[in-house]
Amino acid sequence: MQFKKSAFLFLTVSLLSADSLNELINYAKTHATVVQNAQLDAKLSKLKKKQSQANQFGELDIVGSATMYNRSRTLIPLTPAIIQSGTHVVTSKEIYSAGASYTLPLFTGFAQTQEVEISQMAAKMSQIKAKLTNEELVYNIRSLYLSILALQENLKAQDAYIKALDTLTKLIEDEVALGKKAQVDALKAKTDYEAAKLQRASIENNIALTKSSLSVLVGKEVKELEAIEFDITQQEEDLETLLAHVSGLKKVEVEELAVQKAQKGIKKSESQNWPQLQLAAYAGKNFAEDESTNVFDNETLWQVGVNLKWNIFDFGKTTAAIESAKISKLKEDVAKKDTLRKLEKSLKDAYSTMQLHYKEYLSNTAQYKLAKESASIESVRYENDAATLNDLLLAKAKAQLALSGVIMSKYNYQKSKYYIEYLMERGDKSE
């Protein structure tokens, strides 16, 4: 009685501490390393976008210098007006300066405009990729979760099979002792019993390995899992309907943005053929100790100007950059087509696999009913010496194999439905 109470308490605690599928998915969305990396990439793209936008407003810098000359220099440039006025000019071999400079690109051949648009596209691509990472994460968690549940259900079935073999072995040993059965029957039963225990150990090991993989993926140790209730019903959407939505998927949108980004890259490279105009302004003071009076003096200076730079010939460097950008655009075009083809193929394969798993489930269910009935008949026949032990053990093994097939095909069918949801980007329900 005390043992039953302890077992009930252990089962209750295990159920209370078990993780549900949704709990693991929600936890992984904030703790999984793949999600964190995707979020960091998105933040990095936003910062690069901000950086390219800020470049349009130029730079304001504090500047200064301390220079020693081999010959005396004037504190300010000499102009005809200063020379004619006879004003004393400060000279020194050591001159210091401090001030502020501002530079602003006025025209860059539209390079800055293209750079801003490129950074905006890159930021959008990173956001979409972060969502796609969530989709992949959800599918992988679902897949591993179902694998564990399938293995656990197989383990329970294996335990029942081992218990049945143990009971059969003991019955045979009793009949061997009474001289009703041959000793070889007991040896055969024990052999199958030991093989069944080894199979159980293999299942346990697979459960532990799969839980370990799930723990790494989620970002925390996974111990107990809640069961999932699902119906084995055929997919309502047909393949043609699914294929019609492929071109609107985010995976394709990312490739389309990559094509547009590459096109902007061509225009950015072509901007090198245009003249570059830059506004440059400076205001500050020059300081020095006058050689003739030994008095520390200063002069205020400021200037504003526009600089022009127009590349006439660079030995083919700009031409090569433009051609390189065009090739990158062609590669993105090919990548987009390749993504569409692969998505369509993956969807067709997944749909076909899902239908196969559904048929396997129906077939395995029918086989299990027949195998179970056959095992019951062989058991009666063996008890009445109308069948050999080999017949009985073979029937039991077939029933166990059929039951395992029912369990695996049931979960495999649900996995295939989850995979189609992943391909169609419907797995992440957080949006």
Protein backbone atom coordinates (compact mmCIF):
# COMPACT_ATOMS: atom_id res chain seq x y z
CA MET A 1 0.00 0.00 0.00
CA GLN A 2 2.85 2.34 0.89
CA PHE A 3 4.52 1.55 -2.44
CA LYS A 4 1.36 2.50 -4.35
CA LYS A 5 1.14 5.82 -2.50
CA SER A 6 4.80 6.60 -3.30
CA ALA A 7 4.33 5.70 -6.96
CA PHE A 8 1.21 7.87 -7.16
CA LEU A 9 3.06 10.78 -5.52
CA PHE A 10 5.99 10.41 -7.93
CA LEU A 11 3.64 10.34 -10.93
CA THR A 12 1.79 13.43 -9.69
CA VAL A 13 5.01 15.41 -9.18
CA SER A 14 6.30 14.35 -12.60
CA LEU A 15 3.11 15.50 -14.31
CA LEU A 16 3.17 18.83 -12.51
CA SER A 17 6.80 19.45 -13.51
CA ALA A 18 6.32 18.29 -17.10
CA ASP A 19 6.90 20.81 -19.88
CA SER A 20 4.24 21.37 -22.53
CA LEU A 21 5.15 21.92 -26.17
CA ASN A 22 4.01 25.56 -26.10
CA GLU A 23 5.98 26.24 -22.90
CA LEU A 24 9.18 24.96 -24.48
CA ILE A 25 8.60 26.95 -27.67
CA ASN A 26 7.93 30.17 -25.75
CA TYR A 27 11.01 29.62 -23.58
CA ALA A 28 13.20 28.91 -26.60
CA LYS A 29 12.10 32.11 -28.35
CA THR A 30 13.89 34.14 -25.71
CA HIS A 31 16.68 31.78 -24.62
CA ALA A 32 17.73 29.74 -27.67
CA THR A 33 21.10 30.82 -29.07
CA VAL A 34 19.89 30.69 -32.68
CA VAL A 35 17.14 33.18 -31.85
CA GLN A 36 19.51 35.42 -29.91
CA ASN A 37 21.93 35.48 -32.86
CA ALA A 38 19.12 36.33 -35.28
CA GLN A 39 17.93 39.13 -33.01
CA LEU A 40 21.48 40.49 -32.75
CA ASP A 41 21.81 40.41 -36.53
CA ALA A 42 18.57 42.38 -36.82
CA LYS A 43 19.82 44.98 -34.31
CA LEU A 44 23.13 45.21 -36.15
CA SER A 45 21.32 45.87 -39.44
CA LYS A 46 19.27 48.62 -37.82
CA LEU A 47 22.43 50.27 -36.54
CA LYS A 48 24.04 50.09 -39.98
CA LYS A 49 20.90 51.67 -41.43
CA LYS A 50 21.13 54.45 -38.85
CA GLN A 51 24.82 54.90 -39.66
CA SER A 52 24.22 55.27 -43.40
CA GLN A 53 21.41 57.78 -42.78
CA ALA A 54 23.65 59.80 -40.46
CA ASN A 55 26.38 59.98 -43.10
CA GLN A 56 24.13 62.27 -45.16
CA PHE A 57 24.48 65.02 -42.54
CA GLY A 58 28.27 65.13 -42.60
CA GLU A 59 30.68 65.34 -39.67
CA LEU A 60 31.51 67.97 -37.06
CA ASP A 61 34.95 67.48 -35.51
CA ILE A 62 37.09 69.20 -32.90
CA VAL A 63 40.59 69.55 -34.37
CA GLY A 64 43.89 70.76 -33.03
CA SER A 65 47.62 70.64 -33.70
CA ALA A 66 51.02 71.52 -32.27
CA THR A 67 53.69 72.01 -34.93
CA MET A 68 57.40 72.86 -34.70
CA TYR A 69 59.09 74.36 -37.81
CA ASN A 70 62.75 74.76 -38.75
CA ARG A 71 62.08 78.37 -39.74
CA SER A 72 59.77 80.97 -38.28
CA ARG A 73 56.20 81.10 -39.57
CA THR A 74 53.49 83.71 -39.30
CA LEU A 75 50.51 83.09 -37.09
CA ILE A 76 48.14 83.93 -39.96
CA PRO A 77 48.62 83.95 -43.74
CA LEU A 78 50.10 87.22 -45.01
CA THR A 79 47.84 89.15 -47.34
CA PRO A 80 48.73 92.35 -49.35
CA ALA A 81 46.51 94.39 -47.01
CA ILE A 82 48.43 93.22 -43.92
CA ILE A 83 51.80 93.85 -45.56
CA GLN A 84 50.88 97.37 -46.70
CA SER A 85 49.38 98.34 -43.34
CA GLY A 86 52.69 97.84 -41.56
CA THR A 87 50.94 95.96 -38.74
CA HIS A 88 53.25 93.89 -36.59
CA VAL A 89 53.01 90.22 -37.60
CA VAL A 90 53.52 87.52 -34.98
CA THR A 91 56.08 84.91 -35.99
CA SER A 92 57.23 81.74 -34.24
CA LYS A 93 58.77 78.36 -34.85
CA GLU A 94 56.13 76.69 -32.63
CA ILE A 95 52.50 77.20 -33.58
CA TYR A 96 49.42 75.65 -31.98
CA SER A 97 45.89 75.53 -33.33
CA ALA A 98 42.44 74.53 -32.02
CA GLY A 99 39.06 74.72 -33.68
CA ALA A 100 36.13 72.91 -35.24
CA SER A 101 35.68 71.58 -38.75
CA TYR A 102 32.49 70.53 -40.56
CA THR A 103 32.36 68.48 -43.74
CA LEU A 104 29.21 67.71 -45.70
CA PRO A 105 28.90 65.65 -48.88
CA LEU A 106 26.84 67.77 -51.28
CA PHE A 107 26.82 65.38 -54.21
CA THR A 108 28.18 61.83 -54.33
CA GLY A 109 26.71 60.67 -57.62
CA PHE A 110 23.73 59.31 -55.62
CA ALA A 111 26.05 56.88 -53.80
CA GLN A 112 24.74 57.94 -50.39
CA THR A 113 21.13 57.60 -51.53
CA GLN A 114 21.84 54.07 -52.74
CA GLU A 115 23.71 53.25 -49.52
CA VAL A 116 20.74 54.35 -47.39
CA GLU A 117 18.34 52.27 -49.46
CA ILE A 118 20.69 49.27 -49.33
CA SER A 119 20.90 49.52 -45.54
CA GLN A 120 17.09 49.76 -45.32
CA MET A 121 16.73 46.59 -47.37
CA ALA A 122 19.39 44.83 -45.29
CA ALA A 123 17.52 45.77 -42.10
CA LYS A 124 14.26 44.44 -43.50
CA MET A 125 15.98 41.22 -44.60
CA SER A 126 17.38 40.72 -41.10
CA GLN A 127 13.93 41.14 -39.57
CA ILE A 128 12.44 38.59 -41.95
CA LYS A 129 15.32 36.18 -41.33
CA ALA A 130 14.69 36.50 -37.57
CA LYS A 131 11.07 35.44 -38.16
CA LEU A 132 12.21 32.55 -40.36
CA THR A 133 14.61 31.49 -37.61
CA ASN A 134 11.64 31.33 -35.23
CA GLU A 135 9.76 29.20 -37.75
CA GLU A 136 12.67 26.77 -38.03
CA LEU A 137 13.08 26.70 -34.25
CA VAL A 138 9.40 25.91 -33.72
CA TYR A 139 9.53 23.06 -36.24
CA ASN A 140 12.70 21.55 -34.78
CA ILE A 141 11.25 21.65 -31.25
CA ARG A 142 8.00 20.10 -32.44
CA SER A 143 9.87 17.37 -34.30
CA LEU A 144 12.08 16.42 -31.36
CA TYR A 145 9.14 16.66 -28.95
CA LEU A 146 7.11 14.20 -31.04
CA SER A 147 10.12 11.90 -31.40
CA ILE A 148 10.41 11.69 -27.63
CA LEU A 149 6.68 11.03 -27.18
CA ALA A 150 6.82 8.31 -29.82
CA LEU A 151 9.81 6.66 -28.14
CA GLN A 152 8.14 6.87 -24.72
CA GLU A 153 4.99 5.26 -26.08
CA ASN A 154 7.12 2.57 -27.71
CA LEU A 155 8.85 2.06 -24.36
CA LYS A 156 5.51 1.41 -22.64
CA ALA A 157 4.58 -1.07 -25.38
CA GLN A 158 7.97 -2.73 -25.02
CA ASP A 159 7.49 -3.04 -21.25
CA ALA A 160 4.16 -4.76 -21.84
CA TYR A 161 5.83 -7.06 -24.36
CA ILE A 162 8.64 -7.89 -21.91
CA LYS A 163 6.09 -8.60 -19.18
CA ALA A 164 4.18 -10.93 -21.50
CA LEU A 165 7.39 -12.77 -22.47
CA ASP A 166 8.37 -13.05 -18.81
CA THR A 167 4.99 -14.56 -17.95
CA LEU A 168 5.24 -16.94 -20.90
CA THR A 169 8.78 -17.99 -19.91
CA LYS A 170 7.69 -18.79 -16.35
CA LEU A 171 4.70 -20.79 -17.59
CA ILE A 172 6.94 -22.79 -19.92
CA GLU A 173 9.46 -23.42 -17.13
CA ASP A 174 6.66 -24.70 -14.92
CA GLU A 175 5.50 -27.04 -17.68
CA VAL A 176 9.09 -28.14 -18.32
CA ALA A 177 9.32 -29.07 -14.65
CA LEU A 178 6.13 -31.11 -15.04
CA GLY A 179 7.47 -32.75 -18.17
CA LYS A 180 4.82 -31.23 -20.46
CA LYS A 181 7.20 -29.04 -22.48
CA ALA A 182 10.73 -29.51 -23.75
CA GLN A 183 13.66 -27.66 -22.19
CA VAL A 184 14.45 -26.10 -25.56
CA ASP A 185 11.14 -24.19 -25.41
CA ALA A 186 12.23 -22.52 -22.19
CA LEU A 187 15.56 -21.57 -23.75
CA LYS A 188 13.83 -20.04 -26.80
CA ALA A 189 11.48 -18.03 -24.61
CA LYS A 190 14.39 -16.74 -22.49
CA THR A 191 16.30 -15.76 -25.63
CA ASP A 192 13.40 -13.64 -26.89
CA TYR A 193 12.96 -12.21 -23.40
CA GLU A 194 16.59 -11.06 -23.24
CA ALA A 195 16.40 -9.63 -26.77
CA ALA A 196 13.30 -7.66 -25.77
CA LYS A 197 15.13 -6.22 -22.74
CA LEU A 198 18.02 -5.15 -24.97
CA GLN A 199 15.57 -3.45 -27.30
CA ARG A 200 14.09 -1.63 -24.31
CA ALA A 201 17.55 -0.36 -23.32
CA SER A 202 18.05 0.90 -26.87
CA ILE A 203 14.76 2.81 -26.73
CA GLU A 204 15.70 4.33 -23.37
CA ASN A 205 19.04 5.44 -24.78
CA ASN A 206 17.34 7.06 -27.79
CA ILE A 207 14.98 8.92 -25.44
CA ALA A 208 17.93 10.27 -23.44
CA LEU A 209 19.78 11.35 -26.60
CA THR A 210 16.73 13.06 -28.08
CA LYS A 211 15.98 14.85 -24.81
CA SER A 212 19.56 16.06 -24.76
CA SER A 213 19.19 17.48 -28.28
CA LEU A 214 15.92 19.15 -27.32
CA SER A 215 17.52 20.65 -24.20
CA VAL A 216 20.34 22.19 -26.24
CA LEU A 217 17.86 23.57 -28.76
CA VAL A 218 15.52 25.07 -26.14
CA GLY A 219 18.24 26.39 -23.85
CA LYS A 220 17.32 24.51 -20.69
CA GLU A 221 17.24 20.93 -19.38
CA VAL A 222 14.16 19.04 -20.49
CA LYS A 223 13.00 16.25 -18.17
CA GLU A 224 9.31 15.31 -18.48
CA LEU A 225 7.01 16.14 -21.39
CA GLU A 226 3.26 16.53 -21.52
CA ALA A 227 1.40 14.28 -23.92
CA ILE A 228 -0.19 15.79 -27.02
CA GLU A 229 -3.63 14.89 -28.30
CA PHE A 230 -4.03 15.00 -32.07
CA ASP A 231 -6.32 13.42 -34.63
CA ILE A 232 -5.06 11.41 -37.56
CA THR A 233 -7.02 13.11 -40.31
CA GLN A 234 -6.03 13.84 -43.88
CA GLN A 235 -4.70 17.26 -44.90
CA GLU A 236 -7.56 19.52 -45.94
CA GLU A 237 -5.54 21.72 -48.35
CA ASP A 238 -4.52 20.04 -51.58
CA LEU A 239 -1.03 20.34 -53.03
CA GLU A 240 -1.99 22.82 -55.76
CA THR A 241 -3.41 25.24 -53.20
CA LEU A 242 -0.20 25.07 -51.18
CA LEU A 243 1.99 25.57 -54.24
CA ALA A 244 -0.02 28.64 -55.24
CA HIS A 245 1.13 30.38 -52.04
CA VAL A 246 4.86 29.63 -52.42
CA SER A 247 5.71 32.85 -54.28
CA GLY A 248 4.34 34.90 -51.37
CA LEU A 249 6.44 33.25 -48.67
CA LYS A 250 8.96 35.24 -46.64
CA LYS A 251 11.78 32.99 -47.85
CA VAL A 252 11.07 34.24 -51.37
CA GLU A 253 10.66 37.81 -50.14
CA VAL A 254 14.17 37.68 -48.68
CA GLU A 255 15.54 36.58 -52.05
CA GLU A 256 13.60 39.34 -53.84
CA LEU A 257 15.04 41.92 -51.46
CA ALA A 258 18.51 40.50 -52.11
CA VAL A 259 17.95 41.04 -55.86
CA GLN A 260 16.83 44.64 -55.28
CA LYS A 261 19.76 45.21 -52.94
CA ALA A 262 22.17 43.95 -55.61
CA GLN A 263 20.58 46.30 -58.15
CA LYS A 264 21.21 49.20 -55.79
CA GLY A 265 24.78 47.96 -55.49
CA ILE A 266 25.21 48.41 -59.26
CA LYS A 267 23.97 52.01 -59.08
CA LYS A 268 26.24 52.68 -56.12
CA SER A 269 29.26 51.42 -58.10
CA GLU A 270 28.25 53.56 -61.09
CA SER A 271 28.22 56.67 -58.87
CA GLN A 272 32.03 56.66 -59.02
CA ASN A 273 31.73 57.98 -62.58
CA TRP A 274 30.04 61.14 -61.30
CA PRO A 275 31.80 64.21 -59.82
CA GLN A 276 31.97 64.33 -56.02
CA LEU A 277 31.21 67.64 -54.27
CA GLN A 278 31.96 68.26 -50.61
CA LEU A 279 31.39 71.29 -48.37
CA ALA A 280 34.27 71.96 -45.94
CA ALA A 281 34.17 74.60 -43.20
CA TYR A 282 36.63 75.46 -40.42
CA ALA A 283 36.69 77.95 -37.53
CA GLY A 284 39.42 78.17 -34.90
CA LYS A 285 42.43 79.94 -33.48
CA ASN A 286 46.19 79.78 -33.98
CA PHE A 287 48.41 80.31 -30.92
CA ALA A 288 52.11 81.10 -30.66
CA GLU A 289 54.73 82.97 -28.62
CA ASP A 290 55.97 85.96 -30.64
CA GLU A 291 59.72 85.69 -31.24
CA SER A 292 60.22 89.45 -31.10
CA THR A 293 58.10 90.28 -27.99
CA ASN A 294 58.03 86.91 -26.17
CA VAL A 295 54.27 87.50 -25.73
CA PHE A 296 51.84 84.61 -26.30
CA ASP A 297 49.37 85.74 -28.96
CA ASN A 298 46.50 84.25 -31.01
CA GLU A 299 44.61 84.86 -34.22
CA THR A 300 41.10 83.76 -35.25
CA LEU A 301 40.74 81.95 -38.58
CA TRP A 302 37.73 80.60 -40.46
CA GLN A 303 37.08 79.36 -43.94
CA VAL A 304 34.28 77.80 -45.99
CA GLY A 305 34.75 76.08 -49.32
CA VAL A 306 33.47 73.46 -51.75
CA ASN A 307 35.78 70.70 -52.95
CA LEU A 308 35.33 68.95 -56.29
CA LYS A 309 36.71 65.55 -57.14
CA TRP A 310 35.99 63.85 -60.46
CA ASN A 311 37.67 60.60 -61.31
CA ILE A 312 38.70 60.67 -64.98
CA PHE A 313 40.82 57.52 -65.17
CA ASP A 314 41.56 54.85 -62.58
CA PHE A 315 42.99 52.07 -64.78
CA GLY A 316 39.70 50.17 -64.93
CA LYS A 317 39.02 49.97 -61.18
CA THR A 318 35.53 51.53 -61.39
CA THR A 319 34.62 49.49 -64.46
CA ALA A 320 35.64 46.29 -62.66
CA ALA A 321 33.59 47.30 -59.61
CA ILE A 322 30.51 47.88 -61.78
CA GLU A 323 30.91 44.55 -63.56
CA SER A 324 31.41 42.81 -60.24
CA ALA A 325 28.17 44.36 -58.92
CA LYS A 326 26.32 43.21 -62.05
CA ILE A 327 27.56 39.66 -61.56
CA SER A 328 26.40 39.79 -57.94
CA LYS A 329 22.96 40.82 -59.22
CA LEU A 330 22.89 37.87 -61.63
CA LYS A 331 23.83 35.53 -58.80
CA GLU A 332 20.96 36.85 -56.68
CA ASP A 333 18.57 36.31 -59.62
CA VAL A 334 19.72 32.70 -59.85
CA ALA A 335 19.45 32.28 -56.05
CA LYS A 336 15.85 33.51 -56.11
CA LYS A 337 14.89 31.04 -58.86
CA ASP A 338 16.73 28.27 -57.01
CA THR A 339 14.88 29.08 -53.77
CA LEU A 340 11.51 28.92 -55.54
CA ARG A 341 12.34 25.58 -57.15
CA LYS A 342 13.64 24.09 -53.91
CA LEU A 343 10.57 25.27 -51.99
CA GLU A 344 8.25 23.75 -54.57
CA LYS A 345 10.20 20.48 -54.54
CA SER A 346 10.32 20.38 -50.73
CA LEU A 347 6.59 21.01 -50.56
CA LYS A 348 5.81 18.28 -53.11
CA ASP A 349 8.08 15.82 -51.29
CA ALA A 350 6.61 16.74 -47.90
CA TYR A 351 3.04 16.38 -49.15
CA SER A 352 3.82 12.99 -50.69
CA THR A 353 5.56 11.86 -47.48
CA MET A 354 2.60 12.99 -45.39
CA GLN A 355 0.20 10.96 -47.52
CA LEU A 356 2.50 7.96 -47.24
CA HIS A 357 2.60 8.25 -43.43
CA TYR A 358 -1.20 8.43 -43.37
CA LYS A 359 -1.45 5.23 -45.43
CA GLU A 360 1.21 3.61 -43.23
CA TYR A 361 -0.84 4.46 -40.14
CA LEU A 362 -3.99 2.90 -41.59
CA SER A 363 -2.07 -0.17 -42.75
CA ASN A 364 -0.17 -0.61 -39.47
CA THR A 365 -3.39 -0.24 -37.48
CA ALA A 366 -5.03 -2.99 -39.55
CA GLN A 367 -1.91 -5.17 -39.31
CA TYR A 368 -1.78 -4.74 -35.53
CA LYS A 369 -5.39 -5.86 -35.09
CA LEU A 370 -4.73 -8.93 -37.21
CA ALA A 371 -1.35 -9.68 -35.58
CA LYS A 372 -2.82 -9.29 -32.10
CA GLU A 373 -5.62 -11.70 -32.94
CA SER A 374 -3.14 -14.09 -34.54
CA ALA A 375 -0.99 -14.03 -31.39
CA SER A 376 -4.02 -14.86 -29.24
CA ILE A 377 -4.86 -17.81 -31.50
CA GLU A 378 -1.27 -19.08 -31.50
CA SER A 379 -1.22 -18.85 -27.70
CA VAL A 380 -4.27 -21.12 -27.46
CA ARG A 381 -2.83 -23.50 -30.05
CA TYR A 382 0.49 -23.70 -28.23
CA GLU A 383 -1.25 -24.48 -24.95
CA ASN A 384 -3.03 -27.33 -26.71
CA ASP A 385 0.18 -28.56 -28.40
CA ALA A 386 -1.24 -27.64 -31.80
CA ALA A 387 1.53 -25.14 -32.54
CA THR A 388 5.22 -24.82 -31.78
CA LEU A 389 6.79 -22.22 -29.52
CA ASN A 390 8.41 -20.72 -32.58
CA ASP A 391 4.95 -20.07 -34.03
CA LEU A 392 3.83 -18.39 -30.82
CA LEU A 393 6.95 -16.25 -30.39
CA LEU A 394 6.85 -15.22 -34.04
CA ALA A 395 3.20 -14.17 -33.71
CA LYS A 396 3.93 -12.14 -30.58
CA ALA A 397 6.94 -10.51 -32.23
CA LYS A 398 4.85 -9.57 -35.28
CA ALA A 399 2.17 -8.09 -33.03
CA GLN A 400 4.78 -6.05 -31.17
CA LEU A 401 6.35 -4.91 -34.45
CA ALA A 402 2.94 -3.89 -35.78
CA LEU A 403 2.18 -1.95 -32.59
CA SER A 404 5.51 -0.15 -32.90
CA GLY A 405 4.62 0.64 -36.50
CA VAL A 406 1.28 2.13 -35.43
CA ILE A 407 2.98 4.36 -32.87
CA MET A 408 5.76 5.54 -35.20
CA SER A 409 3.49 6.15 -38.21
CA LYS A 410 1.06 8.11 -36.02
CA TYR A 411 3.77 10.48 -34.83
CA ASN A 412 5.50 10.57 -38.22
CA TYR A 413 2.25 11.71 -39.82
CA GLN A 414 1.95 14.55 -37.32
CA LYS A 415 5.60 15.44 -37.91
CA SER A 416 4.98 15.67 -41.65
CA LYS A 417 2.05 18.03 -41.01
CA TYR A 418 4.31 20.17 -38.84
CA TYR A 419 6.92 20.16 -41.61
CA ILE A 420 4.41 21.46 -44.15
CA GLU A 421 3.43 24.18 -41.67
CA TYR A 422 7.14 25.06 -41.42
CA LEU A 423 7.52 25.22 -45.20
CA MET A 424 4.40 27.40 -45.46
CA GLU A 425 5.63 29.54 -42.52
CA ARG A 426 2.60 28.82 -40.36
CA GLY A 427 4.29 27.11 -37.43
CA ASP A 428 5.09 30.20 -35.36
CA LYS A 429 1.74 31.29 -33.93
CA SER A 430 3.19 34.34 -32.10
CA GLU A 431 2.49 36.74 -34.98
